[in-house]
């Protein structure tokens, strides 16, 4: 929604930084990442991000990293706090409030403010999930089938026009329109 996720002014950026990162230097270079921490190996490339940030921070001591993700390994993703310690960047890394993440308490306006606080948004994904209704038709070599009937190992048509094997099926609870 471009009425909510719109650019901010320099004054807004400074105010948002004071609000969300009050203990960080005002001139800090803030890299941020908004990504689900689920599964291992991490499809959202958390190890690559932290390693690259650690190397960047060696030459830019004012650099900081904000990870808007669940830090613990409860969802079978890597322990992000442990990983930050491994790369020696714990003092330069901030993680989102886990209670607010689990309760979905980050409003669209809060996310706009966080995005506006960043100098760069990182998004090095190695894969994406997507949600569809159970009766959504998916193309396979012999025609179409409801996604709910597709099995692991089935070839399905990908965005690149090629058929690919389904490697994993996930179910997600959803309530809404």
N, C-alpha and C. Protein backbone atom coordinates (compact mmCIF):
# COMPACT_ATOMS: atom_id res chain seq x y z
N UNK A 1 0.84 -1.17 0.00
CA UNK A 1 0.00 0.00 0.00
C UNK A 1 0.89 1.24 0.00
N UNK A 2 0.92 1.96 -1.09
CA UNK A 2 1.80 3.12 -1.21
C UNK A 2 1.31 4.31 -0.40
N UNK A 3 0.11 4.24 0.15
CA UNK A 3 -0.34 5.29 1.07
C UNK A 3 0.30 5.12 2.44
N UNK A 4 0.69 3.89 2.76
CA UNK A 4 1.36 3.61 4.04
C UNK A 4 2.86 3.51 3.84
N UNK A 5 3.29 2.63 2.94
CA UNK A 5 4.72 2.43 2.69
C UNK A 5 5.19 3.42 1.65
N UNK A 6 5.39 4.64 2.12
CA UNK A 6 5.81 5.75 1.25
C UNK A 6 7.16 6.27 1.73
N UNK A 7 7.88 6.97 0.88
CA UNK A 7 9.19 7.50 1.30
C UNK A 7 9.04 8.45 2.49
N UNK A 8 10.13 8.60 3.22
CA UNK A 8 10.12 9.52 4.35
C UNK A 8 11.14 10.64 4.11
N UNK A 9 10.96 11.72 4.83
CA UNK A 9 11.89 12.84 4.74
C UNK A 9 13.10 12.56 5.62
N UNK A 10 14.14 13.35 5.46
CA UNK A 10 15.34 13.19 6.28
C UNK A 10 15.01 13.42 7.76
N UNK A 11 14.13 14.39 8.04
CA UNK A 11 13.74 14.65 9.43
C UNK A 11 12.97 13.47 10.02
N UNK A 12 12.08 12.86 9.22
CA UNK A 12 11.35 11.68 9.69
C UNK A 12 12.32 10.54 9.96
N UNK A 13 13.26 10.34 9.05
CA UNK A 13 14.24 9.26 9.22
C UNK A 13 15.00 9.42 10.53
N UNK A 14 15.44 10.63 10.81
CA UNK A 14 16.18 10.91 12.05
C UNK A 14 15.29 10.64 13.27
N UNK A 15 14.03 11.03 13.20
CA UNK A 15 13.11 10.82 14.32
C UNK A 15 12.84 9.33 14.52
N UNK A 16 12.65 8.60 13.44
CA UNK A 16 12.39 7.16 13.55
C UNK A 16 13.61 6.43 14.11
N UNK A 17 14.79 6.86 13.73
CA UNK A 17 16.01 6.24 14.27
C UNK A 17 16.11 6.47 15.77
N UNK A 18 15.78 7.69 16.21
CA UNK A 18 15.80 7.97 17.66
C UNK A 18 14.77 7.10 18.39
N UNK A 19 13.64 6.85 17.72
CA UNK A 19 12.57 6.06 18.32
C UNK A 19 12.94 4.58 18.44
N UNK A 20 13.47 4.00 17.37
CA UNK A 20 13.72 2.56 17.33
C UNK A 20 15.15 2.15 17.71
N UNK A 21 16.09 3.04 17.51
CA UNK A 21 17.50 2.72 17.77
C UNK A 21 18.16 3.84 18.58
N UNK A 22 17.60 4.18 19.74
CA UNK A 22 18.10 5.35 20.49
C UNK A 22 19.54 5.22 20.97
N UNK A 23 20.02 4.00 21.17
CA UNK A 23 21.37 3.80 21.67
C UNK A 23 22.42 3.67 20.56
N UNK A 24 21.99 3.71 19.32
CA UNK A 24 22.93 3.64 18.20
C UNK A 24 23.35 5.04 17.79
N UNK A 25 24.57 5.18 17.26
CA UNK A 25 25.02 6.51 16.82
C UNK A 25 24.06 7.12 15.79
N UNK A 26 23.85 8.41 15.88
CA UNK A 26 22.94 9.09 14.94
C UNK A 26 23.39 8.93 13.50
N UNK A 27 24.70 8.81 13.29
CA UNK A 27 25.23 8.68 11.93
C UNK A 27 25.50 7.22 11.52
N UNK A 28 24.95 6.29 12.28
CA UNK A 28 25.17 4.86 11.98
C UNK A 28 24.64 4.53 10.59
N UNK A 29 25.35 3.65 9.89
CA UNK A 29 24.86 3.09 8.64
C UNK A 29 24.08 1.85 9.03
N UNK A 30 22.77 1.86 8.81
CA UNK A 30 21.92 0.75 9.27
C UNK A 30 21.48 -0.10 8.09
N UNK A 31 21.90 -1.35 8.12
CA UNK A 31 21.43 -2.35 7.17
C UNK A 31 20.33 -3.13 7.88
N UNK A 32 19.28 -3.46 7.18
CA UNK A 32 18.17 -4.18 7.79
C UNK A 32 17.67 -5.30 6.91
N UNK A 33 17.04 -6.25 7.56
CA UNK A 33 16.49 -7.40 6.85
C UNK A 33 15.18 -7.79 7.51
N UNK A 34 14.14 -7.96 6.70
CA UNK A 34 12.83 -8.39 7.17
C UNK A 34 12.58 -9.74 6.51
N UNK A 35 12.65 -10.81 7.30
CA UNK A 35 12.58 -12.15 6.71
C UNK A 35 12.16 -13.18 7.75
N UNK A 36 11.47 -14.21 7.29
CA UNK A 36 11.06 -15.31 8.17
C UNK A 36 12.25 -16.22 8.44
N UNK A 37 12.45 -16.55 9.71
CA UNK A 37 13.54 -17.44 10.12
C UNK A 37 12.96 -18.83 10.32
N UNK A 38 12.75 -19.54 9.20
CA UNK A 38 12.15 -20.87 9.27
C UNK A 38 12.96 -21.83 8.41
N UNK A 39 13.22 -22.99 8.95
CA UNK A 39 13.90 -24.04 8.19
C UNK A 39 15.41 -23.90 8.20
N UNK A 40 16.06 -25.03 8.03
CA UNK A 40 17.52 -25.03 7.95
C UNK A 40 17.93 -26.05 6.90
N UNK A 41 18.80 -25.69 5.97
CA UNK A 41 19.50 -24.41 5.94
C UNK A 41 18.53 -23.26 5.68
N UNK A 42 18.91 -22.10 6.18
CA UNK A 42 18.06 -20.92 6.12
C UNK A 42 17.90 -20.43 4.68
N UNK A 43 16.68 -20.50 4.17
CA UNK A 43 16.45 -20.06 2.79
C UNK A 43 16.57 -18.56 2.64
N UNK A 44 16.58 -17.85 3.76
CA UNK A 44 16.72 -16.39 3.71
C UNK A 44 18.17 -15.93 3.88
N UNK A 45 19.10 -16.85 3.85
CA UNK A 45 20.54 -16.54 3.80
C UNK A 45 21.07 -15.78 5.01
N UNK A 46 20.55 -16.05 6.19
CA UNK A 46 21.05 -15.36 7.38
C UNK A 46 22.56 -15.53 7.58
N UNK A 47 23.14 -16.73 7.41
CA UNK A 47 24.59 -16.85 7.58
C UNK A 47 25.36 -15.96 6.60
N UNK A 48 24.91 -15.90 5.36
CA UNK A 48 25.59 -15.06 4.36
C UNK A 48 25.50 -13.58 4.73
N UNK A 49 24.33 -13.17 5.19
CA UNK A 49 24.13 -11.77 5.59
C UNK A 49 25.05 -11.41 6.74
N UNK A 50 25.10 -12.26 7.75
CA UNK A 50 25.93 -11.94 8.92
C UNK A 50 27.41 -11.96 8.59
N UNK A 51 27.82 -12.91 7.79
CA UNK A 51 29.23 -12.95 7.40
C UNK A 51 29.61 -11.70 6.59
N UNK A 52 28.77 -11.33 5.63
CA UNK A 52 29.04 -10.14 4.81
C UNK A 52 29.01 -8.88 5.68
N UNK A 53 28.04 -8.80 6.60
CA UNK A 53 27.96 -7.62 7.47
C UNK A 53 29.20 -7.53 8.36
N UNK A 54 29.66 -8.65 8.90
CA UNK A 54 30.85 -8.66 9.75
C UNK A 54 32.06 -8.13 8.98
N UNK A 55 32.18 -8.54 7.73
CA UNK A 55 33.29 -8.05 6.90
C UNK A 55 33.13 -6.55 6.62
N UNK A 56 31.92 -6.11 6.32
CA UNK A 56 31.65 -4.69 6.07
C UNK A 56 31.95 -3.85 7.31
N UNK A 57 31.51 -4.35 8.47
CA UNK A 57 31.68 -3.61 9.72
C UNK A 57 33.14 -3.45 10.13
N UNK A 58 34.02 -4.33 9.66
CA UNK A 58 35.44 -4.17 9.96
C UNK A 58 35.97 -2.84 9.43
N UNK A 59 35.49 -2.42 8.27
CA UNK A 59 35.92 -1.16 7.67
C UNK A 59 34.98 -0.01 7.96
N UNK A 60 33.82 -0.32 8.55
CA UNK A 60 32.81 0.70 8.86
C UNK A 60 32.29 0.46 10.27
N UNK A 61 33.05 0.88 11.28
CA UNK A 61 32.68 0.57 12.66
C UNK A 61 31.34 1.17 13.09
N UNK A 62 30.83 2.16 12.35
CA UNK A 62 29.55 2.77 12.70
C UNK A 62 28.37 1.95 12.16
N UNK A 63 28.63 0.90 11.40
CA UNK A 63 27.57 0.10 10.79
C UNK A 63 26.82 -0.71 11.84
N UNK A 64 25.51 -0.86 11.62
CA UNK A 64 24.64 -1.64 12.49
C UNK A 64 23.74 -2.52 11.64
N UNK A 65 23.26 -3.62 12.23
CA UNK A 65 22.41 -4.57 11.52
C UNK A 65 21.13 -4.78 12.32
N UNK A 66 19.99 -4.54 11.68
CA UNK A 66 18.68 -4.80 12.28
C UNK A 66 18.04 -5.98 11.58
N UNK A 67 17.67 -7.00 12.35
CA UNK A 67 17.01 -8.18 11.79
C UNK A 67 15.59 -8.25 12.31
N UNK A 68 14.64 -8.01 11.42
CA UNK A 68 13.23 -8.09 11.79
C UNK A 68 12.80 -9.52 11.52
N UNK A 69 13.14 -10.37 12.47
CA UNK A 69 12.89 -11.79 12.34
C UNK A 69 12.90 -12.41 13.72
N UNK A 70 12.29 -13.57 13.83
CA UNK A 70 12.29 -14.28 15.09
C UNK A 70 13.68 -14.89 15.29
N UNK A 71 14.32 -14.56 16.38
CA UNK A 71 15.73 -14.91 16.59
C UNK A 71 15.97 -16.36 17.00
N UNK A 72 15.04 -16.94 17.74
CA UNK A 72 15.24 -18.29 18.27
C UNK A 72 15.00 -19.34 17.19
N UNK A 73 15.34 -20.57 17.50
CA UNK A 73 15.23 -21.66 16.54
C UNK A 73 13.90 -22.42 16.65
N UNK A 74 12.91 -21.83 17.29
CA UNK A 74 11.61 -22.48 17.50
C UNK A 74 10.94 -22.92 16.20
N UNK A 75 11.18 -22.20 15.12
CA UNK A 75 10.55 -22.52 13.83
C UNK A 75 11.54 -23.24 12.91
N UNK A 76 12.48 -23.94 13.53
CA UNK A 76 13.48 -24.76 12.83
C UNK A 76 14.46 -23.93 12.00
N UNK A 77 14.55 -22.65 12.29
CA UNK A 77 15.56 -21.80 11.66
C UNK A 77 16.77 -21.71 12.57
N UNK A 78 17.85 -21.10 12.10
CA UNK A 78 19.04 -20.98 12.94
C UNK A 78 18.82 -20.01 14.09
N UNK A 79 19.56 -20.21 15.17
CA UNK A 79 19.53 -19.29 16.30
C UNK A 79 20.32 -18.04 15.90
N UNK A 80 19.62 -16.95 15.64
CA UNK A 80 20.27 -15.75 15.11
C UNK A 80 21.18 -15.07 16.12
N UNK A 81 20.86 -15.16 17.41
CA UNK A 81 21.74 -14.57 18.42
C UNK A 81 23.06 -15.33 18.48
N UNK A 82 22.97 -16.65 18.42
CA UNK A 82 24.18 -17.48 18.42
C UNK A 82 25.01 -17.19 17.17
N UNK A 83 24.34 -17.03 16.05
CA UNK A 83 25.04 -16.74 14.79
C UNK A 83 25.73 -15.38 14.84
N UNK A 84 25.05 -14.38 15.40
CA UNK A 84 25.68 -13.05 15.53
C UNK A 84 26.92 -13.12 16.41
N UNK A 85 26.85 -13.92 17.48
CA UNK A 85 28.01 -14.09 18.35
C UNK A 85 29.14 -14.77 17.60
N UNK A 86 28.82 -15.77 16.80
CA UNK A 86 29.83 -16.47 16.01
C UNK A 86 30.59 -15.51 15.10
N UNK A 87 29.87 -14.58 14.49
CA UNK A 87 30.51 -13.62 13.57
C UNK A 87 31.03 -12.38 14.29
N UNK A 88 30.89 -12.32 15.60
CA UNK A 88 31.44 -11.21 16.38
C UNK A 88 30.71 -9.90 16.17
N UNK A 89 29.41 -9.96 15.91
CA UNK A 89 28.66 -8.73 15.62
C UNK A 89 27.50 -8.51 16.59
N UNK A 90 27.50 -9.20 17.71
CA UNK A 90 26.40 -9.08 18.67
C UNK A 90 26.18 -7.64 19.09
N UNK A 91 27.26 -6.91 19.33
CA UNK A 91 27.13 -5.52 19.79
C UNK A 91 26.63 -4.58 18.70
N UNK A 92 26.62 -5.02 17.45
CA UNK A 92 26.18 -4.20 16.33
C UNK A 92 24.85 -4.66 15.76
N UNK A 93 24.26 -5.69 16.38
CA UNK A 93 23.05 -6.30 15.84
C UNK A 93 21.87 -6.11 16.78
N UNK A 94 20.73 -5.78 16.22
CA UNK A 94 19.48 -5.66 16.98
C UNK A 94 18.47 -6.59 16.33
N UNK A 95 17.75 -7.31 17.17
CA UNK A 95 16.70 -8.22 16.70
C UNK A 95 15.34 -7.68 17.10
N UNK A 96 14.34 -7.97 16.30
CA UNK A 96 12.98 -7.52 16.60
C UNK A 96 12.48 -8.13 17.90
N UNK A 97 11.55 -7.45 18.52
CA UNK A 97 10.95 -7.93 19.76
C UNK A 97 10.16 -9.21 19.48
N UNK A 98 10.57 -10.35 20.05
CA UNK A 98 9.92 -11.63 19.72
C UNK A 98 8.45 -11.68 20.13
N UNK A 99 8.09 -11.07 21.24
CA UNK A 99 6.68 -11.08 21.66
C UNK A 99 5.81 -10.33 20.66
N UNK A 100 6.33 -9.21 20.18
CA UNK A 100 5.56 -8.43 19.20
C UNK A 100 5.46 -9.18 17.87
N UNK A 101 6.54 -9.87 17.48
CA UNK A 101 6.49 -10.65 16.24
C UNK A 101 5.44 -11.75 16.33
N UNK A 102 5.46 -12.51 17.42
CA UNK A 102 4.54 -13.63 17.58
C UNK A 102 3.10 -13.17 17.69
N UNK A 103 2.88 -11.98 18.23
CA UNK A 103 1.53 -11.45 18.39
C UNK A 103 1.10 -10.60 17.19
N UNK A 104 1.99 -10.48 16.21
CA UNK A 104 1.72 -9.62 15.03
C UNK A 104 1.40 -8.19 15.44
N UNK A 105 2.17 -7.68 16.40
CA UNK A 105 1.93 -6.33 16.92
C UNK A 105 2.68 -5.23 16.17
N UNK A 106 3.37 -5.57 15.10
CA UNK A 106 4.03 -4.53 14.31
C UNK A 106 3.02 -4.04 13.26
N UNK A 107 2.52 -2.83 13.46
CA UNK A 107 1.53 -2.28 12.53
C UNK A 107 2.20 -1.89 11.22
N UNK A 108 1.39 -1.65 10.20
CA UNK A 108 1.93 -1.19 8.92
C UNK A 108 2.70 0.12 9.10
N UNK A 109 2.19 1.01 9.94
CA UNK A 109 2.86 2.30 10.16
C UNK A 109 4.20 2.09 10.87
N UNK A 110 4.24 1.18 11.82
CA UNK A 110 5.51 0.88 12.49
C UNK A 110 6.52 0.31 11.49
N UNK A 111 6.06 -0.57 10.61
CA UNK A 111 6.97 -1.14 9.61
C UNK A 111 7.48 -0.04 8.68
N UNK A 112 6.63 0.90 8.31
CA UNK A 112 7.09 2.03 7.49
C UNK A 112 8.21 2.78 8.21
N UNK A 113 8.01 3.03 9.48
CA UNK A 113 9.02 3.76 10.25
C UNK A 113 10.33 2.98 10.32
N UNK A 114 10.24 1.67 10.50
CA UNK A 114 11.45 0.84 10.54
C UNK A 114 12.14 0.86 9.18
N UNK A 115 11.37 0.64 8.11
CA UNK A 115 11.95 0.69 6.76
C UNK A 115 12.63 2.04 6.52
N UNK A 116 11.98 3.12 6.93
CA UNK A 116 12.54 4.46 6.71
C UNK A 116 13.83 4.68 7.51
N UNK A 117 13.99 3.94 8.60
CA UNK A 117 15.19 4.07 9.44
C UNK A 117 16.42 3.46 8.79
N UNK A 118 16.22 2.58 7.84
CA UNK A 118 17.33 1.82 7.25
C UNK A 118 18.02 2.60 6.13
N UNK A 119 19.31 2.35 5.99
CA UNK A 119 20.05 2.87 4.83
C UNK A 119 19.99 1.89 3.67
N UNK A 120 19.90 0.60 4.00
CA UNK A 120 19.78 -0.43 2.96
C UNK A 120 18.94 -1.58 3.51
N UNK A 121 18.05 -2.09 2.65
CA UNK A 121 17.24 -3.26 3.00
C UNK A 121 17.84 -4.46 2.30
N UNK A 122 18.21 -5.47 3.08
CA UNK A 122 18.80 -6.69 2.54
C UNK A 122 17.71 -7.73 2.31
N UNK A 123 17.79 -8.43 1.19
CA UNK A 123 16.79 -9.45 0.90
C UNK A 123 17.39 -10.56 0.03
N UNK A 124 18.43 -11.23 0.53
CA UNK A 124 19.11 -12.26 -0.27
C UNK A 124 18.46 -13.63 -0.14
N UNK A 125 17.25 -13.76 -0.60
CA UNK A 125 16.50 -14.99 -0.44
C UNK A 125 16.96 -16.06 -1.43
N UNK A 126 17.02 -17.30 -0.95
CA UNK A 126 17.34 -18.42 -1.82
C UNK A 126 16.08 -19.19 -2.18
N UNK A 127 14.94 -18.73 -1.71
CA UNK A 127 13.67 -19.38 -2.02
C UNK A 127 12.54 -18.66 -1.35
N UNK A 128 11.38 -18.78 -1.94
CA UNK A 128 10.19 -18.15 -1.41
C UNK A 128 9.09 -19.18 -1.21
N UNK A 129 8.28 -18.94 -0.24
CA UNK A 129 7.07 -19.72 -0.07
C UNK A 129 5.93 -18.90 -0.64
N UNK A 130 4.83 -19.52 -0.89
CA UNK A 130 3.66 -18.75 -1.29
C UNK A 130 2.42 -19.45 -0.77
N UNK A 131 1.39 -18.69 -0.59
CA UNK A 131 0.15 -19.24 -0.04
C UNK A 131 -0.92 -19.22 -1.12
N UNK A 132 -1.65 -20.31 -1.22
CA UNK A 132 -2.76 -20.40 -2.15
C UNK A 132 -3.90 -21.14 -1.46
N UNK A 133 -5.07 -21.01 -2.02
CA UNK A 133 -6.22 -21.76 -1.51
C UNK A 133 -6.09 -23.22 -1.95
N UNK A 134 -6.65 -24.16 -1.20
CA UNK A 134 -6.49 -25.59 -1.52
C UNK A 134 -6.97 -26.00 -2.91
N UNK A 135 -7.92 -25.26 -3.48
CA UNK A 135 -8.43 -25.64 -4.80
C UNK A 135 -7.75 -24.91 -5.96
N UNK A 136 -6.69 -24.14 -5.67
CA UNK A 136 -5.95 -23.45 -6.72
C UNK A 136 -5.34 -24.49 -7.68
N UNK A 137 -5.53 -24.28 -8.96
CA UNK A 137 -5.02 -25.24 -9.94
C UNK A 137 -3.55 -24.96 -10.25
N UNK A 138 -2.77 -26.03 -10.26
CA UNK A 138 -1.34 -25.98 -10.53
C UNK A 138 -1.07 -26.82 -11.77
N UNK A 139 -0.25 -26.30 -12.67
CA UNK A 139 0.07 -27.02 -13.91
C UNK A 139 1.14 -28.07 -13.65
N UNK A 140 0.91 -29.27 -14.13
CA UNK A 140 1.91 -30.35 -14.10
C UNK A 140 1.95 -30.96 -15.50
N UNK A 141 2.89 -31.86 -15.79
CA UNK A 141 3.05 -32.36 -17.16
C UNK A 141 1.81 -33.00 -17.78
N UNK A 142 0.88 -33.51 -16.98
CA UNK A 142 -0.31 -34.17 -17.53
C UNK A 142 -1.55 -33.28 -17.46
N UNK A 143 -1.39 -32.02 -17.12
CA UNK A 143 -2.55 -31.12 -17.06
C UNK A 143 -2.52 -30.25 -15.81
N UNK A 144 -3.68 -30.14 -15.15
CA UNK A 144 -3.81 -29.31 -13.96
C UNK A 144 -4.33 -30.16 -12.80
N UNK A 145 -3.96 -29.76 -11.58
CA UNK A 145 -4.46 -30.42 -10.38
C UNK A 145 -4.58 -29.39 -9.28
N UNK A 146 -5.51 -29.60 -8.36
CA UNK A 146 -5.63 -28.72 -7.20
C UNK A 146 -4.34 -28.82 -6.38
N UNK A 147 -3.85 -27.70 -5.90
CA UNK A 147 -2.59 -27.71 -5.15
C UNK A 147 -2.67 -28.63 -3.94
N UNK A 148 -3.84 -28.81 -3.37
CA UNK A 148 -3.98 -29.68 -2.21
C UNK A 148 -3.71 -31.15 -2.54
N UNK A 149 -3.75 -31.51 -3.83
CA UNK A 149 -3.51 -32.90 -4.22
C UNK A 149 -2.08 -33.15 -4.70
N UNK A 150 -1.30 -32.09 -4.85
CA UNK A 150 0.08 -32.21 -5.33
C UNK A 150 0.93 -32.86 -4.24
N UNK A 151 1.74 -33.82 -4.62
CA UNK A 151 2.61 -34.55 -3.68
C UNK A 151 4.07 -34.13 -3.87
N UNK A 152 4.87 -34.31 -2.82
CA UNK A 152 6.31 -34.09 -2.93
C UNK A 152 6.84 -35.01 -4.03
N UNK A 153 7.67 -34.46 -4.91
CA UNK A 153 8.21 -35.23 -6.02
C UNK A 153 7.50 -34.96 -7.33
N UNK A 154 6.29 -34.39 -7.28
CA UNK A 154 5.53 -34.07 -8.48
C UNK A 154 6.21 -32.93 -9.23
N UNK A 155 6.24 -33.03 -10.54
CA UNK A 155 6.75 -31.93 -11.35
C UNK A 155 5.64 -30.90 -11.52
N UNK A 156 5.97 -29.62 -11.27
CA UNK A 156 5.02 -28.53 -11.46
C UNK A 156 5.70 -27.42 -12.26
N UNK A 157 4.89 -26.64 -12.96
CA UNK A 157 5.40 -25.57 -13.80
C UNK A 157 5.84 -24.40 -12.94
N UNK A 158 7.07 -23.95 -13.13
CA UNK A 158 7.62 -22.83 -12.38
C UNK A 158 7.50 -21.52 -13.12
N UNK A 159 7.89 -20.45 -12.45
CA UNK A 159 7.83 -19.11 -13.05
C UNK A 159 8.73 -18.96 -14.27
N UNK A 160 9.72 -19.85 -14.38
CA UNK A 160 10.68 -19.77 -15.49
C UNK A 160 10.22 -20.57 -16.72
N UNK A 161 9.00 -21.13 -16.66
CA UNK A 161 8.49 -21.91 -17.78
C UNK A 161 8.98 -23.34 -17.81
N UNK A 162 9.74 -23.75 -16.82
CA UNK A 162 10.27 -25.12 -16.72
C UNK A 162 9.53 -25.87 -15.62
N UNK A 163 9.53 -27.20 -15.71
CA UNK A 163 8.95 -28.02 -14.66
C UNK A 163 10.00 -28.32 -13.60
N UNK A 164 9.59 -28.25 -12.34
CA UNK A 164 10.47 -28.50 -11.20
C UNK A 164 9.77 -29.43 -10.23
N UNK A 165 10.57 -30.26 -9.54
CA UNK A 165 10.01 -31.16 -8.53
C UNK A 165 9.63 -30.38 -7.28
N UNK A 166 8.47 -30.71 -6.72
CA UNK A 166 8.07 -30.16 -5.44
C UNK A 166 8.94 -30.84 -4.39
N UNK A 167 9.62 -30.05 -3.57
CA UNK A 167 10.53 -30.60 -2.57
C UNK A 167 9.93 -30.62 -1.17
N UNK A 168 8.88 -29.82 -0.96
CA UNK A 168 8.31 -29.73 0.37
C UNK A 168 6.91 -29.13 0.26
N UNK A 169 5.99 -29.62 1.07
CA UNK A 169 4.66 -29.04 1.17
C UNK A 169 4.49 -28.49 2.58
N UNK A 170 3.91 -27.33 2.67
CA UNK A 170 3.67 -26.72 3.98
C UNK A 170 2.20 -26.35 4.08
N UNK A 171 1.70 -26.38 5.27
CA UNK A 171 0.34 -25.93 5.53
C UNK A 171 0.42 -24.79 6.51
N UNK A 172 -0.42 -23.80 6.31
CA UNK A 172 -0.41 -22.65 7.18
C UNK A 172 -1.84 -22.30 7.55
N UNK A 173 -2.06 -22.07 8.82
CA UNK A 173 -3.36 -21.65 9.27
C UNK A 173 -3.56 -20.20 8.86
N UNK A 174 -4.74 -19.89 8.36
CA UNK A 174 -5.04 -18.53 7.95
C UNK A 174 -6.48 -18.21 8.29
N UNK A 175 -6.67 -17.02 8.80
CA UNK A 175 -8.03 -16.53 9.06
C UNK A 175 -8.10 -15.13 8.51
N UNK A 176 -9.03 -14.89 7.65
CA UNK A 176 -9.14 -13.55 7.08
C UNK A 176 -10.12 -13.53 5.94
N UNK A 177 -10.08 -12.45 5.15
CA UNK A 177 -11.04 -12.30 4.05
C UNK A 177 -10.82 -13.33 2.96
